C-alpha atoms as a PDB file:
ATOM      1  CA  UNK A   1     -15.608   1.159 -15.608  1.00  0.00           C
ATOM      2  CA  UNK A   2     -13.834  -1.090 -13.102  1.00  0.00           C
ATOM      3  CA  UNK A   3     -13.444  -3.927 -15.632  1.00  0.00           C
ATOM      4  CA  UNK A   4     -11.709  -1.693 -18.167  1.00  0.00           C
ATOM      5  CA  UNK A   5      -9.311  -0.339 -15.561  1.00  0.00           C
ATOM      6  CA  UNK A   6      -8.581  -3.818 -14.217  1.00  0.00           C
ATOM      7  CA  UNK A   7      -7.852  -5.064 -17.731  1.00  0.00           C
ATOM      8  CA  UNK A   8      -5.372  -2.192 -18.048  1.00  0.00           C
ATOM      9  CA  UNK A   9      -3.859  -3.058 -14.631  1.00  0.00           C
ATOM     10  CA  UNK A  10      -4.353   0.505 -13.408  1.00  0.00           C
ATOM     11  CA  UNK A  11      -6.038   1.892 -10.331  1.00  0.00           C
ATOM     12  CA  UNK A  12      -9.004   4.227 -10.677  1.00  0.00           C
ATOM     13  CA  UNK A  13      -7.213   7.429  -9.725  1.00  0.00           C
ATOM     14  CA  UNK A  14      -4.005   6.911 -11.678  1.00  0.00           C
ATOM     15  CA  UNK A  15      -5.413   5.402 -14.879  1.00  0.00           C
ATOM     16  CA  UNK A  16      -5.808   8.577 -16.879  1.00  0.00           C
ATOM     17  CA  UNK A  17      -2.524  10.153 -15.877  1.00  0.00           C
ATOM     18  CA  UNK A  18      -0.483   6.990 -16.442  1.00  0.00           C
ATOM     19  CA  UNK A  19      -1.973   6.432 -19.874  1.00  0.00           C
ATOM     20  CA  UNK A  20      -1.477  10.072 -20.769  1.00  0.00           C
ATOM     21  CA  UNK A  21       2.089  10.172 -19.474  1.00  0.00           C
ATOM     22  CA  UNK A  22       3.028   7.077 -21.456  1.00  0.00           C
ATOM     23  CA  UNK A  23       1.724   8.450 -24.719  1.00  0.00           C
ATOM     24  CA  UNK A  24       2.742  12.082 -24.584  1.00  0.00           C
ATOM     25  CA  UNK A  25       4.639  14.473 -22.370  1.00  0.00           C
ATOM     26  CA  UNK A  26       2.718  17.354 -23.936  1.00  0.00           C
ATOM     27  CA  UNK A  27      -0.219  17.777 -21.616  1.00  0.00           C
ATOM     28  CA  UNK A  28      -1.850  20.411 -23.804  1.00  0.00           C
ATOM     29  CA  UNK A  29      -3.292  17.730 -26.060  1.00  0.00           C
ATOM     30  CA  UNK A  30      -5.181  14.725 -24.746  1.00  0.00           C
ATOM     31  CA  UNK A  31      -3.491  11.517 -25.969  1.00  0.00           C
ATOM     32  CA  UNK A  32      -5.463   9.116 -28.155  1.00  0.00           C
ATOM     33  CA  UNK A  33      -5.816   6.346 -25.532  1.00  0.00           C
ATOM     34  CA  UNK A  34      -7.305   8.832 -23.099  1.00  0.00           C
ATOM     35  CA  UNK A  35      -9.772   9.990 -25.763  1.00  0.00           C
ATOM     36  CA  UNK A  36     -10.854   6.398 -26.376  1.00  0.00           C
ATOM     37  CA  UNK A  37     -11.390   5.820 -22.657  1.00  0.00           C
ATOM     38  CA  UNK A  38     -13.194   9.130 -22.362  1.00  0.00           C
ATOM     39  CA  UNK A  39     -15.700   8.412 -25.125  1.00  0.00           C
ATOM     40  CA  UNK A  40     -16.261   4.688 -24.582  1.00  0.00           C
ATOM     41  CA  UNK A  41     -16.146   4.040 -20.856  1.00  0.00           C
ATOM     42  CA  UNK A  42     -15.181   6.682 -18.346  1.00  0.00           C
ATOM     43  CA  UNK A  43     -16.843   9.805 -19.711  1.00  0.00           C
ATOM     44  CA  UNK A  44     -14.674  12.461 -18.079  1.00  0.00           C
ATOM     45  CA  UNK A  45     -14.172  16.034 -19.167  1.00  0.00           C
ATOM     46  CA  UNK A  46     -10.959  16.903 -21.032  1.00  0.00           C
ATOM     47  CA  UNK A  47     -10.444  19.811 -18.651  1.00  0.00           C
ATOM     48  CA  UNK A  48     -10.458  17.379 -15.705  1.00  0.00           C
ATOM     49  CA  UNK A  49      -7.674  15.387 -17.340  1.00  0.00           C
ATOM     50  CA  UNK A  50      -5.637  18.503 -18.070  1.00  0.00           C
ATOM     51  CA  UNK A  51      -6.119  19.810 -14.526  1.00  0.00           C
ATOM     52  CA  UNK A  52      -5.050  16.501 -12.983  1.00  0.00           C
ATOM     53  CA  UNK A  53      -2.038  16.204 -15.298  1.00  0.00           C
ATOM     54  CA  UNK A  54      -0.982  19.781 -14.507  1.00  0.00           C
ATOM     55  CA  UNK A  55      -1.173  19.041 -10.772  1.00  0.00           C
ATOM     56  CA  UNK A  56       1.035  16.013 -11.276  1.00  0.00           C
ATOM     57  CA  UNK A  57       3.615  18.165 -13.084  1.00  0.00           C
ATOM     58  CA  UNK A  58       3.522  21.245 -10.819  1.00  0.00           C
ATOM     59  CA  UNK A  59       3.233  20.622  -7.098  1.00  0.00           C
ATOM     60  CA  UNK A  60       2.280  24.259  -6.388  1.00  0.00           C
ATOM     61  CA  UNK A  61      -1.095  23.606  -8.084  1.00  0.00           C
ATOM     62  CA  UNK A  62      -1.954  20.893  -5.529  1.00  0.00           C
ATOM     63  CA  UNK A  63      -4.334  21.643  -2.684  1.00  0.00           C
ATOM     64  CA  UNK A  64      -2.913  22.760   0.665  1.00  0.00           C
ATOM     65  CA  UNK A  65      -3.384  19.315   2.242  1.00  0.00           C
ATOM     66  CA  UNK A  66      -1.464  17.569  -0.542  1.00  0.00           C
ATOM     67  CA  UNK A  67       1.339  20.121  -0.310  1.00  0.00           C
ATOM     68  CA  UNK A  68       1.547  19.676   3.457  1.00  0.00           C
ATOM     69  CA  UNK A  69       1.547  15.887   3.060  1.00  0.00           C
ATOM     70  CA  UNK A  70       4.444  16.125   0.623  1.00  0.00           C
ATOM     71  CA  UNK A  71       6.422  18.114   3.218  1.00  0.00           C
ATOM     72  CA  UNK A  72       5.565  15.826   6.145  1.00  0.00           C
ATOM     73  CA  UNK A  73       6.053  12.405   4.537  1.00  0.00           C
ATOM     74  CA  UNK A  74       9.877  12.514   4.398  1.00  0.00           C
ATOM     75  CA  UNK A  75      10.012  13.630   8.044  1.00  0.00           C
ATOM     76  CA  UNK A  76       7.660  10.874   9.154  1.00  0.00           C
ATOM     77  CA  UNK A  77       9.704   8.275   7.307  1.00  0.00           C
ATOM     78  CA  UNK A  78      12.946   9.702   8.714  1.00  0.00           C
ATOM     79  CA  UNK A  79      11.681   9.527  12.314  1.00  0.00           C
ATOM     80  CA  UNK A  80      10.344   5.999  11.785  1.00  0.00           C
ATOM     81  CA  UNK A  81      13.614   4.753  10.252  1.00  0.00           C
ATOM     82  CA  UNK A  82      15.855   6.481  12.806  1.00  0.00           C
ATOM     83  CA  UNK A  83      14.017   4.652  15.590  1.00  0.00           C
ATOM     84  CA  UNK A  84      14.681   1.160  14.216  1.00  0.00           C
ATOM     85  CA  UNK A  85      11.343   1.018  12.365  1.00  0.00           C
ATOM     86  CA  UNK A  86       9.439   0.128  15.509  1.00  0.00           C
ATOM     87  CA  UNK A  87       7.688   3.425  16.304  1.00  0.00           C
ATOM     88  CA  UNK A  88       3.961   3.607  15.777  1.00  0.00           C
ATOM     89  CA  UNK A  89       1.948   6.665  14.834  1.00  0.00           C
ATOM     90  CA  UNK A  90       1.750   7.919  18.439  1.00  0.00           C
ATOM     91  CA  UNK A  91       5.495   7.906  19.000  1.00  0.00           C
ATOM     92  CA  UNK A  92       6.264   9.318  15.556  1.00  0.00           C
ATOM     93  CA  UNK A  93       3.744  12.090  16.257  1.00  0.00           C
ATOM     94  CA  UNK A  94       5.338  12.810  19.658  1.00  0.00           C
ATOM     95  CA  UNK A  95       8.807  12.957  18.109  1.00  0.00           C
ATOM     96  CA  UNK A  96       7.593  15.330  15.407  1.00  0.00           C
ATOM     97  CA  UNK A  97       6.063  17.539  18.112  1.00  0.00           C
ATOM     98  CA  UNK A  98       9.430  17.597  19.913  1.00  0.00           C
ATOM     99  CA  UNK A  99      11.131  18.630  16.672  1.00  0.00           C
ATOM    100  CA  UNK A 100       8.746  21.554  16.264  1.00  0.00           C
ATOM    101  CA  UNK A 101       6.287  20.255  13.664  1.00  0.00           C
ATOM    102  CA  UNK A 102       2.657  21.119  14.295  1.00  0.00           C
ATOM    103  CA  UNK A 103       0.757  18.146  12.943  1.00  0.00           C
ATOM    104  CA  UNK A 104      -2.308  16.190  14.030  1.00  0.00           C
ATOM    105  CA  UNK A 105      -1.916  12.604  15.183  1.00  0.00           C
ATOM    106  CA  UNK A 106      -4.567  11.409  12.714  1.00  0.00           C
ATOM    107  CA  UNK A 107      -2.547  13.016   9.915  1.00  0.00           C
ATOM    108  CA  UNK A 108       0.523  11.046  10.980  1.00  0.00           C
ATOM    109  CA  UNK A 109      -1.581   7.862  11.054  1.00  0.00           C
ATOM    110  CA  UNK A 110      -2.952   8.519   7.571  1.00  0.00           C
ATOM    111  CA  UNK A 111       0.460   9.294   6.086  1.00  0.00           C
ATOM    112  CA  UNK A 112       2.064   6.275   7.741  1.00  0.00           C
ATOM    113  CA  UNK A 113      -0.648   4.092   6.198  1.00  0.00           C
ATOM    114  CA  UNK A 114      -0.006   5.676   2.805  1.00  0.00           C
ATOM    115  CA  UNK A 115       3.754   5.108   3.141  1.00  0.00           C
ATOM    116  CA  UNK A 116       3.213   1.532   4.323  1.00  0.00           C
ATOM    117  CA  UNK A 117       4.939   2.145   7.667  1.00  0.00           C
ATOM    118  CA  UNK A 118       3.785  -0.007  10.575  1.00  0.00           C
ATOM    119  CA  UNK A 119       4.779  -0.226  14.184  1.00  0.00           C
ATOM    120  CA  UNK A 120       5.969  -3.397  15.850  1.00  0.00           C
ATOM    121  CA  UNK A 121       3.316  -5.010  18.025  1.00  0.00           C
ATOM    122  CA  UNK A 122       4.850  -6.537  21.099  1.00  0.00           C
ATOM    123  CA  UNK A 123       5.069 -10.310  20.711  1.00  0.00           C
ATOM    124  CA  UNK A 124       3.488 -10.495  17.259  1.00  0.00           C
ATOM    125  CA  UNK A 125       6.572 -11.155  15.176  1.00  0.00           C
ATOM    126  CA  UNK A 126       8.001 -13.738  17.551  1.00  0.00           C
ATOM    127  CA  UNK A 127       4.743 -15.653  17.949  1.00  0.00           C
ATOM    128  CA  UNK A 128       4.257 -15.845  14.176  1.00  0.00           C
ATOM    129  CA  UNK A 129       7.792 -17.135  13.845  1.00  0.00           C
ATOM    130  CA  UNK A 130       7.270 -19.733  16.559  1.00  0.00           C
ATOM    131  CA  UNK A 131       3.970 -20.894  15.059  1.00  0.00           C
ATOM    132  CA  UNK A 132       5.535 -21.387  11.650  1.00  0.00           C
ATOM    133  CA  UNK A 133       8.486 -23.136  13.308  1.00  0.00           C
ATOM    134  CA  UNK A 134       6.137 -25.518  15.155  1.00  0.00           C
ATOM    135  CA  UNK A 135       4.325 -26.261  11.923  1.00  0.00           C
ATOM    136  CA  UNK A 136       7.596 -27.175  10.211  1.00  0.00           C
ATOM    137  CA  UNK A 137       8.499 -29.381  13.170  1.00  0.00           C
ATOM    138  CA  UNK A 138       5.134 -31.154  12.999  1.00  0.00           C
ATOM    139  CA  UNK A 139       5.468 -31.711   9.282  1.00  0.00           C
ATOM    140  CA  UNK A 140       8.872 -33.327   9.713  1.00  0.00           C
ATOM    141  CA  UNK A 141       7.638 -35.901  12.288  1.00  0.00           C
ATOM    142  CA  UNK A 142       7.018 -39.426  11.048  1.00  0.00           C
ATOM    143  CA  UNK A 143       3.495 -40.322  12.237  1.00  0.00           C
ATOM    144  CA  UNK A 144       3.434 -43.781  10.650  1.00  0.00           C
ATOM    145  CA  UNK A 145       4.051 -45.522  13.984  1.00  0.00           C
ATOM    146  CA  UNK A 146       1.156 -43.664  15.600  1.00  0.00           C
ATOM    147  CA  UNK A 147      -1.373 -44.761  12.998  1.00  0.00           C
ATOM    148  CA  UNK A 148      -0.549 -48.446  12.701  1.00  0.00           C
ATOM    149  CA  UNK A 149      -3.428 -50.876  13.169  1.00  0.00           C
ATOM    150  CA  UNK A 150      -4.073 -52.420  16.556  1.00  0.00           C
ATOM    151  CA  UNK A 151      -3.044 -56.061  16.986  1.00  0.00           C
ATOM    152  CA  UNK A 152      -5.746 -58.421  15.771  1.00  0.00           C
ATOM    153  CA  UNK A 153      -7.370 -55.832  13.506  1.00  0.00           C
ATOM    154  CA  UNK A 154      -6.829 -55.503   9.831  1.00  0.00           C
ATOM    155  CA  UNK A 155      -6.524 -52.221   8.021  1.00  0.00           C
ATOM    156  CA  UNK A 156      -9.368 -51.248   5.811  1.00  0.00           C
ATOM    157  CA  UNK A 157      -8.447 -50.930   2.179  1.00  0.00           C
ATOM    158  CA  UNK A 158      -8.419 -47.482   0.706  1.00  0.00           C
END
């Protein structure tokens, strides 16, 4: 199953919906590519495809957690961006609490991971910059004078 999805360049969860959405906007009928995948490799029920496609089209059919996530994600991103993109999950959670949102800290952590939002770790960015800078400096030094042969000794060939 994984090899077929990798050859299609699709992730496991989105494969069926992306193929179906490309082929047909009518979700009442399963598109031909989805039928081929269904019979040859994945073996999923047509009703599962239709249910998933309907949830993608109509957000009210999503579970309560997915609906809540859809409401919270813009607020989490807004708080993170308004604070110079340095807040971590704890501070974003505290700010949301101050604004009147009742949300668990672990939920904020999970949604920040999903959105790709990260906090700034004190000293990390600067040290990585300095290390790369030192490496460039070392690469630009001419070490030929350091490795010349001692007087009276010949260099080995090769």
